[in-house]
Amino acid sequence: MNELEQKLKENQWLTGSSPTVADKEAYDELKDSLVSAKTHPHTFGWFCLIQKFTDATRNSWPAAGAPAAGGKGGKGGKKGKDK
């Protein structure tokens, strides 16, 4: 749990700014444990947030580094000729 605490000290999610399968897997390992807000405040906050998602939502999270569903990156829009 100390390793999680260090990662979550810098980021809201284990792999950065959005949830991934790494968050789901870590949650699954901890869900039957007691996470202390006193000793692991970042892990506790992360855990409280993750438990609000349904299993279906957690199961839809991509692998770390994979693009979000429906996302192609960038700001979108077609490139075209100037009018």
PDB file of N, CA and C in Angstrom:
ATOM      1  N   MET A   1       0.820  -1.190   0.000  1.00  0.00           N
ATOM      2  CA  MET A   1       0.000   0.000   0.000  1.00  0.00           C
ATOM      3  C   MET A   1       0.871   1.264   0.000  1.00  0.00           C
ATOM      4  N   ASN A   2       2.066   1.155   0.530  1.00  0.00           N
ATOM      5  CA  ASN A   2       2.957   2.316   0.541  1.00  0.00           C
ATOM      6  C   ASN A   2       3.359   2.735  -0.866  1.00  0.00           C
ATOM      7  N   GLU A   3       3.518   1.756  -1.765  1.00  0.00           N
ATOM      8  CA  GLU A   3       3.853   2.061  -3.158  1.00  0.00           C
ATOM      9  C   GLU A   3       2.709   2.828  -3.822  1.00  0.00           C
ATOM     10  N   LEU A   4       1.478   2.398  -3.568  1.00  0.00           N
ATOM     11  CA  LEU A   4       0.310   3.121  -4.089  1.00  0.00           C
ATOM     12  C   LEU A   4       0.281   4.549  -3.569  1.00  0.00           C
ATOM     13  N   GLU A   5       0.534   4.697  -2.298  1.00  0.00           N
ATOM     14  CA  GLU A   5       0.515   6.024  -1.671  1.00  0.00           C
ATOM     15  C   GLU A   5       1.499   6.965  -2.366  1.00  0.00           C
ATOM     16  N   GLN A   6       2.682   6.470  -2.677  1.00  0.00           N
ATOM     17  CA  GLN A   6       3.685   7.311  -3.346  1.00  0.00           C
ATOM     18  C   GLN A   6       3.235   7.709  -4.751  1.00  0.00           C
ATOM     19  N   LYS A   7       2.668   6.767  -5.493  1.00  0.00           N
ATOM     20  CA  LYS A   7       2.186   7.072  -6.847  1.00  0.00           C
ATOM     21  C   LYS A   7       1.037   8.071  -6.802  1.00  0.00           C
ATOM     22  N   LEU A   8       0.131   7.884  -5.846  1.00  0.00           N
ATOM     23  CA  LEU A   8      -1.063   8.726  -5.769  1.00  0.00           C
ATOM     24  C   LEU A   8      -0.784  10.084  -5.137  1.00  0.00           C
ATOM     25  N   LYS A   9       0.384  10.243  -4.588  1.00  0.00           N
ATOM     26  CA  LYS A   9       0.794  11.530  -4.021  1.00  0.00           C
ATOM     27  C   LYS A   9       0.958  12.555  -5.141  1.00  0.00           C
ATOM     28  N   GLU A  10       1.348  12.088  -6.310  1.00  0.00           N
ATOM     29  CA  GLU A  10       1.616  12.960  -7.458  1.00  0.00           C
ATOM     30  C   GLU A  10       0.478  12.991  -8.477  1.00  0.00           C
ATOM     31  N   ASN A  11      -0.362  11.952  -8.522  1.00  0.00           N
ATOM     32  CA  ASN A  11      -1.403  11.835  -9.540  1.00  0.00           C
ATOM     33  C   ASN A  11      -2.719  11.390  -8.928  1.00  0.00           C
ATOM     34  N   GLN A  12      -3.810  11.747  -9.581  1.00  0.00           N
ATOM     35  CA  GLN A  12      -5.121  11.304  -9.127  1.00  0.00           C
ATOM     36  C   GLN A  12      -5.327   9.820  -9.411  1.00  0.00           C
ATOM     37  N   TRP A  13      -4.718   9.324 -10.488  1.00  0.00           N
ATOM     38  CA  TRP A  13      -4.836   7.925 -10.894  1.00  0.00           C
ATOM     39  C   TRP A  13      -3.443   7.313 -10.937  1.00  0.00           C
ATOM     40  N   LEU A  14      -3.350   6.013 -10.922  1.00  0.00           N
ATOM     41  CA  LEU A  14      -2.053   5.339 -10.851  1.00  0.00           C
ATOM     42  C   LEU A  14      -1.155   5.620 -12.043  1.00  0.00           C
ATOM     43  N   THR A  15      -1.734   5.800 -13.211  1.00  0.00           N
ATOM     44  CA  THR A  15      -0.902   6.005 -14.396  1.00  0.00           C
ATOM     45  C   THR A  15      -1.003   7.416 -14.950  1.00  0.00           C
ATOM     46  N   GLY A  16      -1.560   8.340 -14.190  1.00  0.00           N
ATOM     47  CA  GLY A  16      -1.609   9.717 -14.664  1.00  0.00           C
ATOM     48  C   GLY A  16      -2.926  10.398 -14.422  1.00  0.00           C
ATOM     49  N   SER A  17      -3.467  10.986 -15.494  1.00  0.00           N
ATOM     50  CA  SER A  17      -4.625  11.861 -15.338  1.00  0.00           C
ATOM     51  C   SER A  17      -5.968  11.200 -15.632  1.00  0.00           C
ATOM     52  N   SER A  18      -5.976   9.915 -15.948  1.00  0.00           N
ATOM     53  CA  SER A  18      -7.247   9.224 -16.169  1.00  0.00           C
ATOM     54  C   SER A  18      -7.135   7.777 -15.689  1.00  0.00           C
ATOM     55  N   PRO A  19      -8.266   7.184 -15.325  1.00  0.00           N
ATOM     56  CA  PRO A  19      -8.224   5.821 -14.792  1.00  0.00           C
ATOM     57  C   PRO A  19      -7.903   4.794 -15.880  1.00  0.00           C
ATOM     58  N   THR A  20      -7.201   3.749 -15.476  1.00  0.00           N
ATOM     59  CA  THR A  20      -6.858   2.661 -16.388  1.00  0.00           C
ATOM     60  C   THR A  20      -7.091   1.330 -15.681  1.00  0.00           C
ATOM     61  N   VAL A  21      -6.820   0.258 -16.414  1.00  0.00           N
ATOM     62  CA  VAL A  21      -6.951  -1.072 -15.846  1.00  0.00           C
ATOM     63  C   VAL A  21      -6.041  -1.242 -14.618  1.00  0.00           C
ATOM     64  N   ALA A  22      -4.955  -0.492 -14.540  1.00  0.00           N
ATOM     65  CA  ALA A  22      -4.072  -0.557 -13.370  1.00  0.00           C
ATOM     66  C   ALA A  22      -4.817  -0.114 -12.113  1.00  0.00           C
ATOM     67  N   ASP A  23      -5.662   0.912 -12.244  1.00  0.00           N
ATOM     68  CA  ASP A  23      -6.459   1.373 -11.103  1.00  0.00           C
ATOM     69  C   ASP A  23      -7.475   0.308 -10.703  1.00  0.00           C
ATOM     70  N   LYS A  24      -8.122  -0.291 -11.697  1.00  0.00           N
ATOM     71  CA  LYS A  24      -9.105  -1.341 -11.427  1.00  0.00           C
ATOM     72  C   LYS A  24      -8.455  -2.517 -10.709  1.00  0.00           C
ATOM     73  N   GLU A  25      -7.302  -2.951 -11.208  1.00  0.00           N
ATOM     74  CA  GLU A  25      -6.618  -4.098 -10.602  1.00  0.00           C
ATOM     75  C   GLU A  25      -6.166  -3.800  -9.175  1.00  0.00           C
ATOM     76  N   ALA A  26      -5.654  -2.610  -8.942  1.00  0.00           N
ATOM     77  CA  ALA A  26      -5.234  -2.234  -7.588  1.00  0.00           C
ATOM     78  C   ALA A  26      -6.447  -2.149  -6.664  1.00  0.00           C
ATOM     79  N   TYR A  27      -7.545  -1.595  -7.175  1.00  0.00           N
ATOM     80  CA  TYR A  27      -8.778  -1.514  -6.382  1.00  0.00           C
ATOM     81  C   TYR A  27      -9.257  -2.925  -6.011  1.00  0.00           C
ATOM     82  N   ASP A  28      -9.254  -3.828  -6.994  1.00  0.00           N
ATOM     83  CA  ASP A  28      -9.700  -5.198  -6.731  1.00  0.00           C
ATOM     84  C   ASP A  28      -8.871  -5.863  -5.632  1.00  0.00           C
ATOM     85  N   GLU A  29      -7.584  -5.564  -5.592  1.00  0.00           N
ATOM     86  CA  GLU A  29      -6.719  -6.125  -4.562  1.00  0.00           C
ATOM     87  C   GLU A  29      -7.000  -5.533  -3.185  1.00  0.00           C
ATOM     88  N   LEU A  30      -7.428  -4.275  -3.140  1.00  0.00           N
ATOM     89  CA  LEU A  30      -7.625  -3.580  -1.861  1.00  0.00           C
ATOM     90  C   LEU A  30      -9.060  -3.564  -1.350  1.00  0.00           C
ATOM     91  N   LYS A  31     -10.022  -3.913  -2.198  1.00  0.00           N
ATOM     92  CA  LYS A  31     -11.417  -3.675  -1.830  1.00  0.00           C
ATOM     93  C   LYS A  31     -11.878  -4.381  -0.556  1.00  0.00           C
ATOM     94  N   ASP A  32     -11.218  -5.440  -0.164  1.00  0.00           N
ATOM     95  CA  ASP A  32     -11.584  -6.134   1.069  1.00  0.00           C
ATOM     96  C   ASP A  32     -10.684  -5.749   2.243  1.00  0.00           C
ATOM     97  N   SER A  33      -9.832  -4.754   2.042  1.00  0.00           N
ATOM     98  CA  SER A  33      -8.911  -4.287   3.080  1.00  0.00           C
ATOM     99  C   SER A  33      -9.409  -2.977   3.677  1.00  0.00           C
ATOM    100  N   LEU A  34      -8.866  -2.641   4.796  1.00  0.00           N
ATOM    101  CA  LEU A  34      -9.146  -1.339   5.394  1.00  0.00           C
ATOM    102  C   LEU A  34      -8.044  -0.375   4.971  1.00  0.00           C
ATOM    103  N   VAL A  35      -8.441   0.715   4.327  1.00  0.00           N
ATOM    104  CA  VAL A  35      -7.492   1.738   3.918  1.00  0.00           C
ATOM    105  C   VAL A  35      -7.644   2.897   4.892  1.00  0.00           C
ATOM    106  N   SER A  36      -6.580   3.243   5.577  1.00  0.00           N
ATOM    107  CA  SER A  36      -6.625   4.272   6.604  1.00  0.00           C
ATOM    108  C   SER A  36      -6.360   5.659   6.025  1.00  0.00           C
ATOM    109  N   ALA A  37      -7.261   6.580   6.311  1.00  0.00           N
ATOM    110  CA  ALA A  37      -7.074   7.970   5.885  1.00  0.00           C
ATOM    111  C   ALA A  37      -5.914   8.614   6.642  1.00  0.00           C
ATOM    112  N   LYS A  38      -5.623   8.127   7.839  1.00  0.00           N
ATOM    113  CA  LYS A  38      -4.527   8.698   8.635  1.00  0.00           C
ATOM    114  C   LYS A  38      -3.162   8.293   8.103  1.00  0.00           C
ATOM    115  N   THR A  39      -3.011   7.023   7.752  1.00  0.00           N
ATOM    116  CA  THR A  39      -1.701   6.546   7.327  1.00  0.00           C
ATOM    117  C   THR A  39      -1.485   6.611   5.817  1.00  0.00           C
ATOM    118  N   HIS A  40      -2.559   6.567   5.035  1.00  0.00           N
ATOM    119  CA  HIS A  40      -2.466   6.568   3.572  1.00  0.00           C
ATOM    120  C   HIS A  40      -3.545   7.491   2.987  1.00  0.00           C
ATOM    121  N   PRO A  41      -3.444   8.796   3.205  1.00  0.00           N
ATOM    122  CA  PRO A  41      -4.512   9.717   2.794  1.00  0.00           C
ATOM    123  C   PRO A  41      -4.761   9.756   1.286  1.00  0.00           C
ATOM    124  N   HIS A  42      -3.722   9.644   0.473  1.00  0.00           N
ATOM    125  CA  HIS A  42      -3.903   9.693  -0.985  1.00  0.00           C
ATOM    126  C   HIS A  42      -4.570   8.414  -1.478  1.00  0.00           C
ATOM    127  N   THR A  43      -4.152   7.290  -0.930  1.00  0.00           N
ATOM    128  CA  THR A  43      -4.755   6.009  -1.293  1.00  0.00           C
ATOM    129  C   THR A  43      -6.203   5.969  -0.847  1.00  0.00           C
ATOM    130  N   PHE A  44      -6.490   6.495   0.320  1.00  0.00           N
ATOM    131  CA  PHE A  44      -7.858   6.529   0.833  1.00  0.00           C
ATOM    132  C   PHE A  44      -8.763   7.351  -0.087  1.00  0.00           C
ATOM    133  N   GLY A  45      -8.315   8.526  -0.499  1.00  0.00           N
ATOM    134  CA  GLY A  45      -9.106   9.368  -1.396  1.00  0.00           C
ATOM    135  C   GLY A  45      -9.338   8.697  -2.736  1.00  0.00           C
ATOM    136  N   TRP A  46      -8.289   8.090  -3.302  1.00  0.00           N
ATOM    137  CA  TRP A  46      -8.379   7.362  -4.563  1.00  0.00           C
ATOM    138  C   TRP A  46      -9.365   6.208  -4.430  1.00  0.00           C
ATOM    139  N   PHE A  47      -9.267   5.455  -3.326  1.00  0.00           N
ATOM    140  CA  PHE A  47     -10.136   4.312  -3.088  1.00  0.00           C
ATOM    141  C   PHE A  47     -11.605   4.751  -3.001  1.00  0.00           C
ATOM    142  N   CYS A  48     -11.847   5.834  -2.282  1.00  0.00           N
ATOM    143  CA  CYS A  48     -13.222   6.346  -2.152  1.00  0.00           C
ATOM    144  C   CYS A  48     -13.788   6.761  -3.508  1.00  0.00           C
ATOM    145  N   LEU A  49     -12.954   7.345  -4.337  1.00  0.00           N
ATOM    146  CA  LEU A  49     -13.387   7.752  -5.671  1.00  0.00           C
ATOM    147  C   LEU A  49     -13.688   6.530  -6.540  1.00  0.00           C
ATOM    148  N   ILE A  50     -12.792   5.572  -6.563  1.00  0.00           N
ATOM    149  CA  ILE A  50     -12.965   4.391  -7.416  1.00  0.00           C
ATOM    150  C   ILE A  50     -14.183   3.569  -7.025  1.00  0.00           C
ATOM    151  N   GLN A  51     -14.470   3.471  -5.745  1.00  0.00           N
ATOM    152  CA  GLN A  51     -15.596   2.633  -5.340  1.00  0.00           C
ATOM    153  C   GLN A  51     -16.942   3.212  -5.782  1.00  0.00           C
ATOM    154  N   LYS A  52     -16.972   4.475  -6.195  1.00  0.00           N
ATOM    155  CA  LYS A  52     -18.206   5.085  -6.685  1.00  0.00           C
ATOM    156  C   LYS A  52     -18.555   4.633  -8.111  1.00  0.00           C
ATOM    157  N   PHE A  53     -17.554   4.115  -8.846  1.00  0.00           N
ATOM    158  CA  PHE A  53     -17.795   3.630 -10.200  1.00  0.00           C
ATOM    159  C   PHE A  53     -18.389   2.224 -10.159  1.00  0.00           C
ATOM    160  N   THR A  54     -19.230   1.912 -11.130  1.00  0.00           N
ATOM    161  CA  THR A  54     -19.785   0.569 -11.215  1.00  0.00           C
ATOM    162  C   THR A  54     -18.720  -0.398 -11.720  1.00  0.00           C
ATOM    163  N   ASP A  55     -18.957  -1.689 -11.514  1.00  0.00           N
ATOM    164  CA  ASP A  55     -18.036  -2.700 -12.036  1.00  0.00           C
ATOM    165  C   ASP A  55     -17.933  -2.580 -13.557  1.00  0.00           C
ATOM    166  N   ALA A  56     -19.051  -2.337 -14.220  1.00  0.00           N
ATOM    167  CA  ALA A  56     -19.038  -2.212 -15.687  1.00  0.00           C
ATOM    168  C   ALA A  56     -18.146  -1.057 -16.131  1.00  0.00           C
ATOM    169  N   THR A  57     -18.206   0.043 -15.422  1.00  0.00           N
ATOM    170  CA  THR A  57     -17.361   1.189 -15.768  1.00  0.00           C
ATOM    171  C   THR A  57     -15.897   0.869 -15.516  1.00  0.00           C
ATOM    172  N   ARG A  58     -15.590   0.303 -14.366  1.00  0.00           N
ATOM    173  CA  ARG A  58     -14.199  -0.064 -14.073  1.00  0.00           C
ATOM    174  C   ARG A  58     -13.661  -1.057 -15.094  1.00  0.00           C
ATOM    175  N   ASN A  59     -14.500  -1.981 -15.540  1.00  0.00           N
ATOM    176  CA  ASN A  59     -14.076  -2.975 -16.523  1.00  0.00           C
ATOM    177  C   ASN A  59     -13.853  -2.370 -17.904  1.00  0.00           C
ATOM    178  N   SER A  60     -14.356  -1.172 -18.135  1.00  0.00           N
ATOM    179  CA  SER A  60     -14.191  -0.528 -19.445  1.00  0.00           C
ATOM    180  C   SER A  60     -12.937   0.340 -19.522  1.00  0.00           C
ATOM    181  N   TRP A  61     -12.243   0.525 -18.417  1.00  0.00           N
ATOM    182  CA  TRP A  61     -11.050   1.369 -18.417  1.00  0.00           C
ATOM    183  C   TRP A  61      -9.960   0.740 -19.271  1.00  0.00           C
ATOM    184  N   PRO A  62      -9.274   1.563 -20.061  1.00  0.00           N
ATOM    185  CA  PRO A  62      -8.245   1.035 -20.970  1.00  0.00           C
ATOM    186  C   PRO A  62      -6.958   0.672 -20.237  1.00  0.00           C
ATOM    187  N   ALA A  63      -6.118  -0.054 -20.947  1.00  0.00           N
ATOM    188  CA  ALA A  63      -4.775  -0.342 -20.434  1.00  0.00           C
ATOM    189  C   ALA A  63      -4.007   0.968 -20.368  1.00  0.00           C
ATOM    190  N   ALA A  64      -3.032   1.042 -19.511  1.00  0.00           N
ATOM    191  CA  ALA A  64      -2.214   2.254 -19.400  1.00  0.00           C
ATOM    192  C   ALA A  64      -1.578   2.568 -20.743  1.00  0.00           C
ATOM    193  N   GLY A  65      -1.668   3.815 -21.158  1.00  0.00           N
ATOM    194  CA  GLY A  65      -1.078   4.242 -22.415  1.00  0.00           C
ATOM    195  C   GLY A  65      -2.005   4.086 -23.605  1.00  0.00           C
ATOM    196  N   ALA A  66      -3.125   3.381 -23.438  1.00  0.00           N
ATOM    197  CA  ALA A  66      -4.079   3.215 -24.537  1.00  0.00           C
ATOM    198  C   ALA A  66      -4.960   4.451 -24.623  1.00  0.00           C
ATOM    199  N   PRO A  67      -5.390   4.830 -25.822  1.00  0.00           N
ATOM    200  CA  PRO A  67      -6.272   5.986 -25.939  1.00  0.00           C
ATOM    201  C   PRO A  67      -7.634   5.687 -25.341  1.00  0.00           C
ATOM    202  N   ALA A  68      -8.288   6.714 -24.842  1.00  0.00           N
ATOM    203  CA  ALA A  68      -9.626   6.562 -24.283  1.00  0.00           C
ATOM    204  C   ALA A  68     -10.589   6.154 -25.385  1.00  0.00           C
ATOM    205  N   ALA A  69     -11.642   5.462 -25.033  1.00  0.00           N
ATOM    206  CA  ALA A  69     -12.628   5.010 -26.012  1.00  0.00           C
ATOM    207  C   ALA A  69     -13.160   6.187 -26.818  1.00  0.00           C
ATOM    208  N   GLY A  70     -13.146   6.043 -28.122  1.00  0.00           N
ATOM    209  CA  GLY A  70     -13.660   7.096 -28.989  1.00  0.00           C
ATOM    210  C   GLY A  70     -12.694   8.231 -29.215  1.00  0.00           C
ATOM    211  N   GLY A  71     -11.570   8.225 -28.520  1.00  0.00           N
ATOM    212  CA  GLY A  71     -10.623   9.326 -28.643  1.00  0.00           C
ATOM    213  C   GLY A  71      -9.565   9.041 -29.684  1.00  0.00           C
ATOM    214  N   LYS A  72      -9.216  10.047 -30.453  1.00  0.00           N
ATOM    215  CA  LYS A  72      -8.168   9.905 -31.451  1.00  0.00           C
ATOM    216  C   LYS A  72      -6.984  10.788 -31.113  1.00  0.00           C
ATOM    217  N   GLY A  73      -7.100  11.522 -30.024  1.00  0.00           N
ATOM    218  CA  GLY A  73      -6.036  12.440 -29.649  1.00  0.00           C
ATOM    219  C   GLY A  73      -6.195  13.751 -30.391  1.00  0.00           C
ATOM    220  N   GLY A  74      -5.465  14.735 -29.999  1.00  0.00           N
ATOM    221  CA  GLY A  74      -5.547  16.034 -30.650  1.00  0.00           C
ATOM    222  C   GLY A  74      -6.835  16.749 -30.328  1.00  0.00           C
ATOM    223  N   LYS A  75      -7.056  17.864 -31.021  1.00  0.00           N
ATOM    224  CA  LYS A  75      -8.240  18.671 -30.755  1.00  0.00           C
ATOM    225  C   LYS A  75      -9.372  18.369 -31.719  1.00  0.00           C
ATOM    226  N   GLY A  76      -9.153  17.477 -32.668  1.00  0.00           N
ATOM    227  CA  GLY A  76     -10.224  17.089 -33.573  1.00  0.00           C
ATOM    228  C   GLY A  76     -10.424  18.079 -34.692  1.00  0.00           C
ATOM    229  N   GLY A  77     -11.454  17.829 -35.479  1.00  0.00           N
ATOM    230  CA  GLY A  77     -11.721  18.700 -36.613  1.00  0.00           C
ATOM    231  C   GLY A  77     -10.957  18.231 -37.838  1.00  0.00           C
ATOM    232  N   LYS A  78     -11.543  18.502 -38.983  1.00  0.00           N
ATOM    233  CA  LYS A  78     -10.903  18.093 -40.224  1.00  0.00           C
ATOM    234  C   LYS A  78      -9.948  19.158 -40.714  1.00  0.00           C
ATOM    235  N   LYS A  79      -8.878  18.695 -41.303  1.00  0.00           N
ATOM    236  CA  LYS A  79      -7.951  19.622 -41.933  1.00  0.00           C
ATOM    237  C   LYS A  79      -8.455  19.839 -43.346  1.00  0.00           C
ATOM    238  N   GLY A  80      -8.506  21.050 -43.723  1.00  0.00           N
ATOM    239  CA  GLY A  80      -8.992  21.325 -45.077  1.00  0.00           C
ATOM    240  C   GLY A  80      -8.332  22.542 -45.657  1.00  0.00           C
ATOM    241  N   LYS A  81      -8.751  22.857 -46.867  1.00  0.00           N
ATOM    242  CA  LYS A  81      -8.193  24.022 -47.539  1.00  0.00           C
ATOM    243  C   LYS A  81      -8.756  25.279 -46.935  1.00  0.00           C
ATOM    244  N   ASP A  82      -7.941  26.300 -46.867  1.00  0.00           N
ATOM    245  CA  ASP A  82      -8.415  27.603 -46.396  1.00  0.00           C
ATOM    246  C   ASP A  82      -9.345  28.181 -47.430  1.00  0.00           C
ATOM    247  N   LYS A  83     -10.403  28.802 -47.004  1.00  0.00           N
ATOM    248  CA  LYS A  83     -11.368  29.385 -47.939  1.00  0.00           C
ATOM    249  C   LYS A  83     -11.133  30.842 -48.106  1.00  0.00           C
TER     250      LYS A  83
END
